[in-house]
């Protein structure tokens, strides 16, 4: 990891405490011309806050990248994924992700993959002082008719195209359209990029976190642009 470009994402919890998206036994290694991150099994969880429970290990860029106020700005990467002992029919159970995030507004335009399924995440995080229960949302979109065939470890080219002037976001896989969101609630100005391993299971009101059950995963990323 180039520490000048990437850092583990952390959030202050108050009382001098910080929540860091980091797994104690994570393994980093070069693979296929890029960086591979393996966590097997997942252990990181949070019993109260969904946005702390989801990422198991998450790196973000050390600086944001500007989004042109006119026209389309494109963010892209090549990514492969493989998961272990997870529910292959449920993306939320374990996945690798390409993160496209505006921290100031909570807007998220992500790509995720299990190595068997690919999905897009269109989201506005619930962040006190920025959003509330009415303005926050999360959508996980699969596109079975996009004509994208994937397999564990197979690397695809992913791109997210943002047009704040027209309040539009578009997701492409291998140059094929995957999903489009119109009427994005805010005009994005700058994007923080990221990558990591995740689950996406709501925190149970009585049981707390239900996101881990012995599953794990590997993600490979290269050629961020």
C-alpha atoms as a PDB file:
ATOM      1  CA  UNK A   1       0.000   0.000   0.000  1.00  0.00           C
ATOM      2  CA  UNK A   2       1.324   3.437  -0.942  1.00  0.00           C
ATOM      3  CA  UNK A   3       0.638   5.368   2.280  1.00  0.00           C
ATOM      4  CA  UNK A   4       0.890   8.634   0.387  1.00  0.00           C
ATOM      5  CA  UNK A   5      -2.160   7.629  -1.672  1.00  0.00           C
ATOM      6  CA  UNK A   6      -4.236   5.316   0.554  1.00  0.00           C
ATOM      7  CA  UNK A   7      -5.225   5.122   4.212  1.00  0.00           C
ATOM      8  CA  UNK A   8      -7.547   3.035   6.365  1.00  0.00           C
ATOM      9  CA  UNK A   9     -10.798   4.906   6.906  1.00  0.00           C
ATOM     10  CA  UNK A  10     -11.589   5.868  10.496  1.00  0.00           C
ATOM     11  CA  UNK A  11     -14.438   7.702  12.220  1.00  0.00           C
ATOM     12  CA  UNK A  12     -14.364   9.365  15.649  1.00  0.00           C
ATOM     13  CA  UNK A  13     -16.773   7.828  18.158  1.00  0.00           C
ATOM     14  CA  UNK A  14     -16.410  10.493  20.837  1.00  0.00           C
ATOM     15  CA  UNK A  15     -14.655  10.264  24.194  1.00  0.00           C
ATOM     16  CA  UNK A  16     -11.354   9.989  22.367  1.00  0.00           C
ATOM     17  CA  UNK A  17     -12.316   6.704  20.680  1.00  0.00           C
ATOM     18  CA  UNK A  18     -11.987   5.978  16.964  1.00  0.00           C
ATOM     19  CA  UNK A  19     -13.568   3.250  14.809  1.00  0.00           C
ATOM     20  CA  UNK A  20     -11.137   2.017  12.144  1.00  0.00           C
ATOM     21  CA  UNK A  21     -12.186  -0.262   9.304  1.00  0.00           C
ATOM     22  CA  UNK A  22      -9.397  -2.800   9.764  1.00  0.00           C
ATOM     23  CA  UNK A  23      -9.277  -6.557  10.221  1.00  0.00           C
ATOM     24  CA  UNK A  24      -6.515  -7.863  12.508  1.00  0.00           C
ATOM     25  CA  UNK A  25      -5.548 -10.765  10.221  1.00  0.00           C
ATOM     26  CA  UNK A  26      -5.867  -9.061   6.823  1.00  0.00           C
ATOM     27  CA  UNK A  27      -3.337 -10.133   4.192  1.00  0.00           C
ATOM     28  CA  UNK A  28      -2.030  -7.848   1.441  1.00  0.00           C
ATOM     29  CA  UNK A  29      -0.018  -9.142  -1.511  1.00  0.00           C
ATOM     30  CA  UNK A  30       0.739  -8.300  -5.154  1.00  0.00           C
ATOM     31  CA  UNK A  31      -1.364 -10.256  -7.646  1.00  0.00           C
ATOM     32  CA  UNK A  32      -2.156  -9.991 -11.361  1.00  0.00           C
ATOM     33  CA  UNK A  33      -0.453  -6.635 -11.658  1.00  0.00           C
ATOM     34  CA  UNK A  34      -2.421  -5.163  -8.787  1.00  0.00           C
ATOM     35  CA  UNK A  35      -3.023  -5.436  -5.054  1.00  0.00           C
ATOM     36  CA  UNK A  36      -4.876  -8.348  -3.434  1.00  0.00           C
ATOM     37  CA  UNK A  37      -6.564  -8.027  -0.040  1.00  0.00           C
ATOM     38  CA  UNK A  38      -7.685 -11.217   1.733  1.00  0.00           C
ATOM     39  CA  UNK A  39      -9.630 -11.461   4.981  1.00  0.00           C
ATOM     40  CA  UNK A  40     -10.571 -15.023   5.908  1.00  0.00           C
ATOM     41  CA  UNK A  41     -12.614 -15.136   7.999  1.00  0.00           C
ATOM     42  CA  UNK A  42     -14.274 -11.771   8.600  1.00  0.00           C
ATOM     43  CA  UNK A  43     -14.253 -10.813  12.284  1.00  0.00           C
ATOM     44  CA  UNK A  44     -14.933  -7.062  12.401  1.00  0.00           C
ATOM     45  CA  UNK A  45     -18.454  -6.063  13.456  1.00  0.00           C
ATOM     46  CA  UNK A  46     -20.436  -3.372  15.245  1.00  0.00           C
ATOM     47  CA  UNK A  47     -23.612  -4.174  17.168  1.00  0.00           C
ATOM     48  CA  UNK A  48     -25.258  -0.751  16.964  1.00  0.00           C
ATOM     49  CA  UNK A  49     -24.262   1.216  13.853  1.00  0.00           C
ATOM     50  CA  UNK A  50     -24.854  -0.173  10.365  1.00  0.00           C
ATOM     51  CA  UNK A  51     -22.194   1.945   8.621  1.00  0.00           C
ATOM     52  CA  UNK A  52     -19.576   0.684  11.104  1.00  0.00           C
ATOM     53  CA  UNK A  53     -20.661  -2.938  10.762  1.00  0.00           C
ATOM     54  CA  UNK A  54     -20.505  -3.154   6.945  1.00  0.00           C
ATOM     55  CA  UNK A  55     -16.856  -2.531   5.969  1.00  0.00           C
ATOM     56  CA  UNK A  56     -14.443  -5.148   7.260  1.00  0.00           C
ATOM     57  CA  UNK A  57     -11.320  -3.523   5.816  1.00  0.00           C
ATOM     58  CA  UNK A  58     -11.611  -0.268   3.884  1.00  0.00           C
ATOM     59  CA  UNK A  59      -8.943   1.905   2.299  1.00  0.00           C
ATOM     60  CA  UNK A  60      -9.694   5.375   0.950  1.00  0.00           C
ATOM     61  CA  UNK A  61      -7.645   7.866  -1.019  1.00  0.00           C
ATOM     62  CA  UNK A  62      -5.677  10.365   1.054  1.00  0.00           C
ATOM     63  CA  UNK A  63      -7.148  13.206  -0.977  1.00  0.00           C
ATOM     64  CA  UNK A  64     -10.441  13.781  -2.791  1.00  0.00           C
ATOM     65  CA  UNK A  65     -10.653  14.178  -6.556  1.00  0.00           C
ATOM     66  CA  UNK A  66     -12.643  17.025  -8.129  1.00  0.00           C
ATOM     67  CA  UNK A  67     -15.816  16.424 -10.095  1.00  0.00           C
ATOM     68  CA  UNK A  68     -16.332  18.798 -12.996  1.00  0.00           C
ATOM     69  CA  UNK A  69     -19.425  20.997 -12.450  1.00  0.00           C
ATOM     70  CA  UNK A  70     -20.176  20.622 -16.167  1.00  0.00           C
ATOM     71  CA  UNK A  71     -19.985  17.490 -18.248  1.00  0.00           C
ATOM     72  CA  UNK A  72     -19.096  13.993 -17.035  1.00  0.00           C
ATOM     73  CA  UNK A  73     -16.261  12.936 -14.740  1.00  0.00           C
ATOM     74  CA  UNK A  74     -15.223   9.273 -14.879  1.00  0.00           C
ATOM     75  CA  UNK A  75     -13.695   7.177 -12.083  1.00  0.00           C
ATOM     76  CA  UNK A  76     -12.528   3.681 -12.947  1.00  0.00           C
ATOM     77  CA  UNK A  77     -10.666   0.581 -11.800  1.00  0.00           C
ATOM     78  CA  UNK A  78     -10.077  -3.051 -12.690  1.00  0.00           C
ATOM     79  CA  UNK A  79     -11.319  -5.403  -9.962  1.00  0.00           C
ATOM     80  CA  UNK A  80     -11.662  -9.120  -9.319  1.00  0.00           C
ATOM     81  CA  UNK A  81     -13.272 -10.901  -6.364  1.00  0.00           C
ATOM     82  CA  UNK A  82     -13.685 -14.243  -4.680  1.00  0.00           C
ATOM     83  CA  UNK A  83     -15.575 -15.132  -1.502  1.00  0.00           C
ATOM     84  CA  UNK A  84     -15.339 -18.133   0.810  1.00  0.00           C
ATOM     85  CA  UNK A  85     -18.131 -19.952   2.661  1.00  0.00           C
ATOM     86  CA  UNK A  86     -20.571 -17.170   1.826  1.00  0.00           C
ATOM     87  CA  UNK A  87     -24.093 -17.266   0.431  1.00  0.00           C
ATOM     88  CA  UNK A  88     -23.396 -17.129  -3.303  1.00  0.00           C
ATOM     89  CA  UNK A  89     -26.960 -15.972  -4.018  1.00  0.00           C
ATOM     90  CA  UNK A  90     -26.766 -12.979  -1.676  1.00  0.00           C
ATOM     91  CA  UNK A  91     -24.251 -10.257  -2.603  1.00  0.00           C
ATOM     92  CA  UNK A  92     -24.707  -8.678   0.835  1.00  0.00           C
ATOM     93  CA  UNK A  93     -23.106 -11.670   2.571  1.00  0.00           C
ATOM     94  CA  UNK A  94     -19.531 -10.899   1.418  1.00  0.00           C
ATOM     95  CA  UNK A  95     -18.090  -8.819  -1.413  1.00  0.00           C
ATOM     96  CA  UNK A  96     -15.181  -6.764  -2.700  1.00  0.00           C
ATOM     97  CA  UNK A  97     -15.931  -3.155  -3.486  1.00  0.00           C
ATOM     98  CA  UNK A  98     -14.786  -0.189  -5.580  1.00  0.00           C
ATOM     99  CA  UNK A  99     -15.771   2.857  -3.549  1.00  0.00           C
ATOM    100  CA  UNK A 100     -16.782   6.233  -5.000  1.00  0.00           C
ATOM    101  CA  UNK A 101     -17.810   8.411  -2.064  1.00  0.00           C
ATOM    102  CA  UNK A 102     -18.449  12.076  -1.311  1.00  0.00           C
ATOM    103  CA  UNK A 103     -17.860  12.388   2.426  1.00  0.00           C
ATOM    104  CA  UNK A 104     -19.310  15.904   2.656  1.00  0.00           C
ATOM    105  CA  UNK A 105     -22.757  14.810   1.439  1.00  0.00           C
ATOM    106  CA  UNK A 106     -22.744  11.069   2.183  1.00  0.00           C
ATOM    107  CA  UNK A 107     -23.324  10.162  -1.461  1.00  0.00           C
ATOM    108  CA  UNK A 108     -22.062   6.723  -2.532  1.00  0.00           C
ATOM    109  CA  UNK A 109     -21.701   5.334  -6.060  1.00  0.00           C
ATOM    110  CA  UNK A 110     -20.051   1.914  -5.651  1.00  0.00           C
ATOM    111  CA  UNK A 111     -19.413  -1.271  -7.560  1.00  0.00           C
ATOM    112  CA  UNK A 112     -19.395  -4.583  -5.672  1.00  0.00           C
ATOM    113  CA  UNK A 113     -18.615  -8.168  -6.647  1.00  0.00           C
ATOM    114  CA  UNK A 114     -18.608 -11.595  -5.043  1.00  0.00           C
ATOM    115  CA  UNK A 115     -16.888 -13.213  -8.016  1.00  0.00           C
ATOM    116  CA  UNK A 116     -20.215 -14.794  -8.898  1.00  0.00           C
ATOM    117  CA  UNK A 117     -22.446 -11.720  -8.920  1.00  0.00           C
ATOM    118  CA  UNK A 118     -21.876  -8.039  -9.632  1.00  0.00           C
ATOM    119  CA  UNK A 119     -23.874  -5.192  -8.143  1.00  0.00           C
ATOM    120  CA  UNK A 120     -24.037  -1.408  -7.996  1.00  0.00           C
ATOM    121  CA  UNK A 121     -24.658   0.470  -4.761  1.00  0.00           C
ATOM    122  CA  UNK A 122     -26.429   3.823  -4.931  1.00  0.00           C
ATOM    123  CA  UNK A 123     -26.610   5.268  -1.462  1.00  0.00           C
ATOM    124  CA  UNK A 124     -26.751   8.313   0.748  1.00  0.00           C
ATOM    125  CA  UNK A 125     -25.318   7.523   4.155  1.00  0.00           C
ATOM    126  CA  UNK A 126     -27.070   8.390   7.392  1.00  0.00           C
ATOM    127  CA  UNK A 127     -24.629  10.925   8.839  1.00  0.00           C
ATOM    128  CA  UNK A 128     -25.759  13.145  11.740  1.00  0.00           C
ATOM    129  CA  UNK A 129     -25.809  16.778  10.707  1.00  0.00           C
ATOM    130  CA  UNK A 130     -25.835  15.903   7.002  1.00  0.00           C
ATOM    131  CA  UNK A 131     -28.719  13.481   6.483  1.00  0.00           C
ATOM    132  CA  UNK A 132     -31.574  11.998   8.473  1.00  0.00           C
ATOM    133  CA  UNK A 133     -33.876   8.975   8.254  1.00  0.00           C
ATOM    134  CA  UNK A 134     -35.878  10.654   5.477  1.00  0.00           C
ATOM    135  CA  UNK A 135     -32.989  11.692   3.239  1.00  0.00           C
ATOM    136  CA  UNK A 136     -30.691   8.684   3.687  1.00  0.00           C
ATOM    137  CA  UNK A 137     -31.198   5.655   1.432  1.00  0.00           C
ATOM    138  CA  UNK A 138     -29.449   2.512   0.188  1.00  0.00           C
ATOM    139  CA  UNK A 139     -30.065   0.654  -3.064  1.00  0.00           C
ATOM    140  CA  UNK A 140     -28.216  -2.494  -4.138  1.00  0.00           C
ATOM    141  CA  UNK A 141     -28.833  -3.123  -7.822  1.00  0.00           C
ATOM    142  CA  UNK A 142     -28.198  -6.260  -9.837  1.00  0.00           C
ATOM    143  CA  UNK A 143     -28.437  -6.168 -13.622  1.00  0.00           C
ATOM    144  CA  UNK A 144     -28.890  -9.733 -14.913  1.00  0.00           C
ATOM    145  CA  UNK A 145     -29.647  -8.559 -18.444  1.00  0.00           C
ATOM    146  CA  UNK A 146     -26.492  -6.445 -18.825  1.00  0.00           C
ATOM    147  CA  UNK A 147     -24.743  -9.406 -20.450  1.00  0.00           C
ATOM    148  CA  UNK A 148     -21.844  -9.499 -17.978  1.00  0.00           C
ATOM    149  CA  UNK A 149     -20.492 -12.964 -17.197  1.00  0.00           C
ATOM    150  CA  UNK A 150     -18.210 -13.179 -14.197  1.00  0.00           C
ATOM    151  CA  UNK A 151     -16.399 -15.875 -12.220  1.00  0.00           C
ATOM    152  CA  UNK A 152     -14.364 -16.049  -9.007  1.00  0.00           C
ATOM    153  CA  UNK A 153     -11.160 -14.079  -9.513  1.00  0.00           C
ATOM    154  CA  UNK A 154     -12.135 -12.768 -12.957  1.00  0.00           C
ATOM    155  CA  UNK A 155     -11.066  -9.153 -13.415  1.00  0.00           C
ATOM    156  CA  UNK A 156     -13.482  -6.656 -14.968  1.00  0.00           C
ATOM    157  CA  UNK A 157     -13.182  -2.991 -15.851  1.00  0.00           C
ATOM    158  CA  UNK A 158     -15.550  -0.855 -13.766  1.00  0.00           C
ATOM    159  CA  UNK A 159     -16.342   2.815 -14.297  1.00  0.00           C
ATOM    160  CA  UNK A 160     -18.601   5.295 -12.514  1.00  0.00           C
ATOM    161  CA  UNK A 161     -19.585   8.371 -14.510  1.00  0.00           C
ATOM    162  CA  UNK A 162     -20.883  11.412 -12.638  1.00  0.00           C
ATOM    163  CA  UNK A 163     -22.627  14.429 -14.183  1.00  0.00           C
ATOM    164  CA  UNK A 164     -23.569  16.830 -11.353  1.00  0.00           C
ATOM    165  CA  UNK A 165     -24.984  19.408 -13.750  1.00  0.00           C
ATOM    166  CA  UNK A 166     -27.623  16.938 -14.895  1.00  0.00           C
ATOM    167  CA  UNK A 167     -27.763  15.165 -11.482  1.00  0.00           C
ATOM    168  CA  UNK A 168     -26.979  11.834 -13.121  1.00  0.00           C
ATOM    169  CA  UNK A 169     -24.747   8.879 -12.211  1.00  0.00           C
ATOM    170  CA  UNK A 170     -23.975   5.917 -14.475  1.00  0.00           C
ATOM    171  CA  UNK A 171     -22.291   2.587 -13.754  1.00  0.00           C
ATOM    172  CA  UNK A 172     -20.486   0.639 -16.527  1.00  0.00           C
ATOM    173  CA  UNK A 173     -18.844  -2.832 -16.550  1.00  0.00           C
ATOM    174  CA  UNK A 174     -16.455  -3.651 -19.393  1.00  0.00           C
ATOM    175  CA  UNK A 175     -17.841  -0.605 -21.241  1.00  0.00           C
ATOM    176  CA  UNK A 176     -21.415  -1.940 -20.987  1.00  0.00           C
ATOM    177  CA  UNK A 177     -24.097   0.088 -19.185  1.00  0.00           C
ATOM    178  CA  UNK A 178     -25.050  -1.521 -15.883  1.00  0.00           C
ATOM    179  CA  UNK A 179     -27.193   1.048 -14.035  1.00  0.00           C
ATOM    180  CA  UNK A 180     -28.181   4.703 -14.217  1.00  0.00           C
ATOM    181  CA  UNK A 181     -29.487   7.002 -11.484  1.00  0.00           C
ATOM    182  CA  UNK A 182     -31.316  10.204 -12.408  1.00  0.00           C
ATOM    183  CA  UNK A 183     -32.207  13.089 -10.081  1.00  0.00           C
ATOM    184  CA  UNK A 184     -29.259  12.532  -7.729  1.00  0.00           C
ATOM    185  CA  UNK A 185     -30.244  14.597  -4.662  1.00  0.00           C
ATOM    186  CA  UNK A 186     -27.058  16.684  -4.518  1.00  0.00           C
ATOM    187  CA  UNK A 187     -24.500  17.909  -7.041  1.00  0.00           C
ATOM    188  CA  UNK A 188     -21.284  16.086  -6.222  1.00  0.00           C
ATOM    189  CA  UNK A 189     -18.182  18.268  -6.070  1.00  0.00           C
ATOM    190  CA  UNK A 190     -15.395  15.922  -5.056  1.00  0.00           C
ATOM    191  CA  UNK A 191     -14.983  12.172  -4.724  1.00  0.00           C
ATOM    192  CA  UNK A 192     -12.940  10.031  -2.377  1.00  0.00           C
ATOM    193  CA  UNK A 193     -12.009   6.704  -3.947  1.00  0.00           C
ATOM    194  CA  UNK A 194     -11.658   3.483  -1.990  1.00  0.00           C
ATOM    195  CA  UNK A 195     -11.490  -0.282  -2.019  1.00  0.00           C
ATOM    196  CA  UNK A 196     -12.032  -3.070   0.465  1.00  0.00           C
ATOM    197  CA  UNK A 197     -14.027  -6.057   1.680  1.00  0.00           C
ATOM    198  CA  UNK A 198     -17.551  -5.754   3.066  1.00  0.00           C
ATOM    199  CA  UNK A 199     -20.867  -7.182   4.130  1.00  0.00           C
ATOM    200  CA  UNK A 200     -24.183  -5.337   3.873  1.00  0.00           C
ATOM    201  CA  UNK A 201     -26.508  -6.777   6.490  1.00  0.00           C
ATOM    202  CA  UNK A 202     -28.720  -4.527   8.667  1.00  0.00           C
ATOM    203  CA  UNK A 203     -27.956  -4.574  12.372  1.00  0.00           C
ATOM    204  CA  UNK A 204     -30.643  -6.622  14.162  1.00  0.00           C
ATOM    205  CA  UNK A 205     -32.471  -4.573  16.831  1.00  0.00           C
ATOM    206  CA  UNK A 206     -32.209  -7.406  19.374  1.00  0.00           C
ATOM    207  CA  UNK A 207     -29.227  -9.488  18.232  1.00  0.00           C
ATOM    208  CA  UNK A 208     -26.943  -6.686  17.087  1.00  0.00           C
ATOM    209  CA  UNK A 209     -24.601  -7.506  14.213  1.00  0.00           C
ATOM    210  CA  UNK A 210     -25.528 -10.540  12.121  1.00  0.00           C
ATOM    211  CA  UNK A 211     -22.953  -9.865   9.402  1.00  0.00           C
ATOM    212  CA  UNK A 212     -20.365 -12.556  10.125  1.00  0.00           C
ATOM    213  CA  UNK A 213     -20.717 -16.344  10.171  1.00  0.00           C
ATOM    214  CA  UNK A 214     -17.245 -17.613   9.228  1.00  0.00           C
ATOM    215  CA  UNK A 215     -17.172 -16.282   5.658  1.00  0.00           C
ATOM    216  CA  UNK A 216     -14.277 -14.424   4.060  1.00  0.00           C
ATOM    217  CA  UNK A 217     -13.125 -12.967   0.783  1.00  0.00           C
ATOM    218  CA  UNK A 218     -10.399 -11.681  -1.509  1.00  0.00           C
ATOM    219  CA  UNK A 219     -10.422  -8.621  -3.712  1.00  0.00           C
ATOM    220  CA  UNK A 220      -7.904  -7.595  -6.382  1.00  0.00           C
ATOM    221  CA  UNK A 221      -7.648  -4.010  -7.653  1.00  0.00           C
ATOM    222  CA  UNK A 222      -5.434  -2.336 -10.250  1.00  0.00           C
ATOM    223  CA  UNK A 223      -5.284   0.691 -12.528  1.00  0.00           C
ATOM    224  CA  UNK A 224      -7.290   3.236 -10.565  1.00  0.00           C
ATOM    225  CA  UNK A 225      -8.089   6.274 -12.695  1.00  0.00           C
END
